[in-house]
Amino acid sequence: MNSLLMFAQTAAERGSWWPDSAIGRFWVLFGFLAQAAFTARFLVQWIASERKGQSYVPRAFWYLSLAGGLMLFSYAAFWKHDLVVTLGQTTGIVVYLRNLMLLRKERVRLEEPGGHRAQAQG
């Protein structure tokens, strides 16, 4: 199939709830999976907080945020061509990555000799 014709066909399908092409259906299912990953982060955070008896944000929250954010970014940029959602997800992705970097830095600090965890065990 001519690539221009394929692009025009998929562009027309972007507004459909359920596209006719396999490519279109793939992207819609991918978008649902992305939204599920993004939503799962709140369930993980809620369950972790209930178990601790206080508000708590586990590391899994940030990984699910990053996965869902990257997937939603891809869906918005490559399938929907939605600048608003694409830019919104970009901002979130930076925040999620930074939080994961901070958590890693904290873990490394605690595992060093003289770190809080090392002192408690010594």
C-alpha atoms as a PDB file:
ATOM      1  CA  MET A   1       0.000   0.000   0.000  1.00  0.00           C
ATOM      2  CA  ASN A   2       1.218   3.468  -0.847  1.00  0.00           C
ATOM      3  CA  SER A   3       2.577   5.098   2.346  1.00  0.00           C
ATOM      4  CA  LEU A   4       0.705   8.356   1.646  1.00  0.00           C
ATOM      5  CA  LEU A   5      -2.557   6.454   1.233  1.00  0.00           C
ATOM      6  CA  MET A   6      -1.849   4.499   4.425  1.00  0.00           C
ATOM      7  CA  PHE A   7      -1.164   7.742   6.300  1.00  0.00           C
ATOM      8  CA  ALA A   8      -4.382   9.302   4.998  1.00  0.00           C
ATOM      9  CA  GLN A   9      -6.369   6.216   5.994  1.00  0.00           C
ATOM     10  CA  THR A  10      -4.963   6.151   9.512  1.00  0.00           C
ATOM     11  CA  ALA A  11      -5.410   9.934   9.850  1.00  0.00           C
ATOM     12  CA  ALA A  12      -9.110   9.521   9.071  1.00  0.00           C
ATOM     13  CA  GLU A  13      -9.374   6.706  11.612  1.00  0.00           C
ATOM     14  CA  ARG A  14      -7.880   8.754  14.437  1.00  0.00           C
ATOM     15  CA  GLY A  15     -11.272  10.268  15.130  1.00  0.00           C
ATOM     16  CA  SER A  16     -13.024   6.880  15.249  1.00  0.00           C
ATOM     17  CA  TRP A  17     -13.904   5.115  18.484  1.00  0.00           C
ATOM     18  CA  TRP A  18     -12.980   1.767  16.940  1.00  0.00           C
ATOM     19  CA  PRO A  19     -10.890   2.067  13.754  1.00  0.00           C
ATOM     20  CA  ASP A  20     -11.297  -0.346  10.847  1.00  0.00           C
ATOM     21  CA  SER A  21      -7.603  -1.064  10.323  1.00  0.00           C
ATOM     22  CA  ALA A  22      -5.387  -3.356  12.387  1.00  0.00           C
ATOM     23  CA  ILE A  23      -2.979  -0.459  12.947  1.00  0.00           C
ATOM     24  CA  GLY A  24      -5.795   1.708  14.258  1.00  0.00           C
ATOM     25  CA  ARG A  25      -7.089  -1.016  16.574  1.00  0.00           C
ATOM     26  CA  PHE A  26      -3.544  -1.621  17.833  1.00  0.00           C
ATOM     27  CA  TRP A  27      -3.200   2.046  18.814  1.00  0.00           C
ATOM     28  CA  VAL A  28      -6.588   2.159  20.527  1.00  0.00           C
ATOM     29  CA  LEU A  29      -5.757  -0.970  22.543  1.00  0.00           C
ATOM     30  CA  PHE A  30      -2.308   0.462  23.294  1.00  0.00           C
ATOM     31  CA  GLY A  31      -3.985   3.651  24.542  1.00  0.00           C
ATOM     32  CA  PHE A  32      -6.279   1.642  26.828  1.00  0.00           C
ATOM     33  CA  LEU A  33      -3.292  -0.298  28.174  1.00  0.00           C
ATOM     34  CA  ALA A  34      -1.427   2.978  28.745  1.00  0.00           C
ATOM     35  CA  GLN A  35      -4.367   4.403  30.658  1.00  0.00           C
ATOM     36  CA  ALA A  36      -4.627   1.196  32.711  1.00  0.00           C
ATOM     37  CA  ALA A  37      -0.941   1.426  33.689  1.00  0.00           C
ATOM     38  CA  PHE A  38      -1.371   5.081  34.585  1.00  0.00           C
ATOM     39  CA  THR A  39      -4.473   4.340  36.678  1.00  0.00           C
ATOM     40  CA  ALA A  40      -2.850   1.335  38.398  1.00  0.00           C
ATOM     41  CA  ARG A  41      -0.352   3.669  40.055  1.00  0.00           C
ATOM     42  CA  PHE A  42      -3.127   5.155  42.180  1.00  0.00           C
ATOM     43  CA  LEU A  43      -4.346   1.723  43.231  1.00  0.00           C
ATOM     44  CA  VAL A  44      -0.788   0.743  44.195  1.00  0.00           C
ATOM     45  CA  GLN A  45      -0.374   3.957  46.193  1.00  0.00           C
ATOM     46  CA  TRP A  46      -3.740   3.535  47.912  1.00  0.00           C
ATOM     47  CA  ILE A  47      -3.065  -0.091  48.907  1.00  0.00           C
ATOM     48  CA  ALA A  48       0.452   0.761  50.163  1.00  0.00           C
ATOM     49  CA  SER A  49      -0.915   3.660  52.221  1.00  0.00           C
ATOM     50  CA  GLU A  50      -3.650   1.501  53.729  1.00  0.00           C
ATOM     51  CA  ARG A  51      -1.086  -1.137  54.710  1.00  0.00           C
ATOM     52  CA  LYS A  52       1.133   1.470  56.384  1.00  0.00           C
ATOM     53  CA  GLY A  53      -1.781   3.312  57.963  1.00  0.00           C
ATOM     54  CA  GLN A  54      -0.535   6.632  56.568  1.00  0.00           C
ATOM     55  CA  SER A  55      -0.038   8.351  53.233  1.00  0.00           C
ATOM     56  CA  TYR A  56       2.832   6.637  51.423  1.00  0.00           C
ATOM     57  CA  VAL A  57       4.173   6.675  47.858  1.00  0.00           C
ATOM     58  CA  PRO A  58       5.958   3.402  47.009  1.00  0.00           C
ATOM     59  CA  ARG A  59       8.655   3.100  44.348  1.00  0.00           C
ATOM     60  CA  ALA A  60       6.204   1.115  42.169  1.00  0.00           C
ATOM     61  CA  PHE A  61       4.053   4.262  41.918  1.00  0.00           C
ATOM     62  CA  TRP A  62       6.868   6.073  40.097  1.00  0.00           C
ATOM     63  CA  TYR A  63       7.612   3.133  37.779  1.00  0.00           C
ATOM     64  CA  LEU A  64       3.934   2.821  36.837  1.00  0.00           C
ATOM     65  CA  SER A  65       3.776   6.599  36.369  1.00  0.00           C
ATOM     66  CA  LEU A  66       6.775   6.478  34.055  1.00  0.00           C
ATOM     67  CA  ALA A  67       5.481   3.490  32.064  1.00  0.00           C
ATOM     68  CA  GLY A  68       1.988   4.948  31.733  1.00  0.00           C
ATOM     69  CA  GLY A  69       3.348   8.400  30.916  1.00  0.00           C
ATOM     70  CA  LEU A  70       5.665   7.098  28.196  1.00  0.00           C
ATOM     71  CA  MET A  71       2.880   4.992  26.718  1.00  0.00           C
ATOM     72  CA  LEU A  72       0.369   7.869  26.781  1.00  0.00           C
ATOM     73  CA  PHE A  73       3.018  10.148  25.273  1.00  0.00           C
ATOM     74  CA  SER A  74       3.506   7.650  22.425  1.00  0.00           C
ATOM     75  CA  TYR A  75      -0.238   7.274  21.897  1.00  0.00           C
ATOM     76  CA  ALA A  76      -0.804  11.041  21.834  1.00  0.00           C
ATOM     77  CA  ALA A  77       2.227  11.870  19.682  1.00  0.00           C
ATOM     78  CA  PHE A  78       2.181   9.044  17.152  1.00  0.00           C
ATOM     79  CA  TRP A  79      -1.480   8.117  16.841  1.00  0.00           C
ATOM     80  CA  LYS A  80      -3.630  11.040  17.959  1.00  0.00           C
ATOM     81  CA  HIS A  81      -1.185  13.823  17.051  1.00  0.00           C
ATOM     82  CA  ASP A  82      -2.450  15.656  20.136  1.00  0.00           C
ATOM     83  CA  LEU A  83      -0.011  18.405  21.114  1.00  0.00           C
ATOM     84  CA  VAL A  84      -1.722  19.168  24.437  1.00  0.00           C
ATOM     85  CA  VAL A  85      -1.550  15.601  25.775  1.00  0.00           C
ATOM     86  CA  THR A  86       1.944  15.080  24.331  1.00  0.00           C
ATOM     87  CA  LEU A  87       3.339  18.151  26.105  1.00  0.00           C
ATOM     88  CA  GLY A  88       1.442  17.329  29.296  1.00  0.00           C
ATOM     89  CA  GLN A  89       2.918  13.834  29.418  1.00  0.00           C
ATOM     90  CA  THR A  90       6.401  15.196  28.698  1.00  0.00           C
ATOM     91  CA  THR A  91       6.267  17.311  31.853  1.00  0.00           C
ATOM     92  CA  GLY A  92       5.090  14.366  33.926  1.00  0.00           C
ATOM     93  CA  ILE A  93       7.764  12.052  32.522  1.00  0.00           C
ATOM     94  CA  VAL A  94      10.469  14.485  33.683  1.00  0.00           C
ATOM     95  CA  VAL A  95       8.980  14.512  37.198  1.00  0.00           C
ATOM     96  CA  TYR A  96       8.697  10.701  37.331  1.00  0.00           C
ATOM     97  CA  LEU A  97      12.294  10.248  36.177  1.00  0.00           C
ATOM     98  CA  ARG A  98      13.549  12.797  38.687  1.00  0.00           C
ATOM     99  CA  ASN A  99      11.739  11.070  41.557  1.00  0.00           C
ATOM    100  CA  LEU A 100      13.229   7.724  40.542  1.00  0.00           C
ATOM    101  CA  MET A 101      16.674   9.343  40.407  1.00  0.00           C
ATOM    102  CA  LEU A 102      16.193  10.770  43.909  1.00  0.00           C
ATOM    103  CA  LEU A 103      15.060   7.385  45.238  1.00  0.00           C
ATOM    104  CA  ARG A 104      18.109   5.704  43.708  1.00  0.00           C
ATOM    105  CA  LYS A 105      20.404   8.350  45.185  1.00  0.00           C
ATOM    106  CA  GLU A 106      18.837   7.789  48.618  1.00  0.00           C
ATOM    107  CA  ARG A 107      19.198   4.008  48.340  1.00  0.00           C
ATOM    108  CA  VAL A 108      22.882   4.306  47.382  1.00  0.00           C
ATOM    109  CA  ARG A 109      23.477   6.741  50.268  1.00  0.00           C
ATOM    110  CA  LEU A 110      21.850   4.397  52.763  1.00  0.00           C
ATOM    111  CA  GLU A 111      23.876   1.411  51.541  1.00  0.00           C
ATOM    112  CA  GLU A 112      27.204   3.234  51.911  1.00  0.00           C
ATOM    113  CA  PRO A 113      29.292   2.656  55.029  1.00  0.00           C
ATOM    114  CA  GLY A 114      28.172   5.226  57.573  1.00  0.00           C
ATOM    115  CA  GLY A 115      24.736   5.464  55.996  1.00  0.00           C
ATOM    116  CA  HIS A 116      21.721   5.217  58.305  1.00  0.00           C
ATOM    117  CA  ARG A 117      20.922   1.626  57.332  1.00  0.00           C
ATOM    118  CA  ALA A 118      24.565   0.536  57.757  1.00  0.00           C
ATOM    119  CA  GLN A 119      24.770   2.151  61.225  1.00  0.00           C
ATOM    120  CA  ALA A 120      21.555   0.479  62.357  1.00  0.00           C
ATOM    121  CA  GLN A 121      22.920  -2.942  61.411  1.00  0.00           C
ATOM    122  CA  GLY A 122      26.405  -2.341  62.870  1.00  0.00           C
END
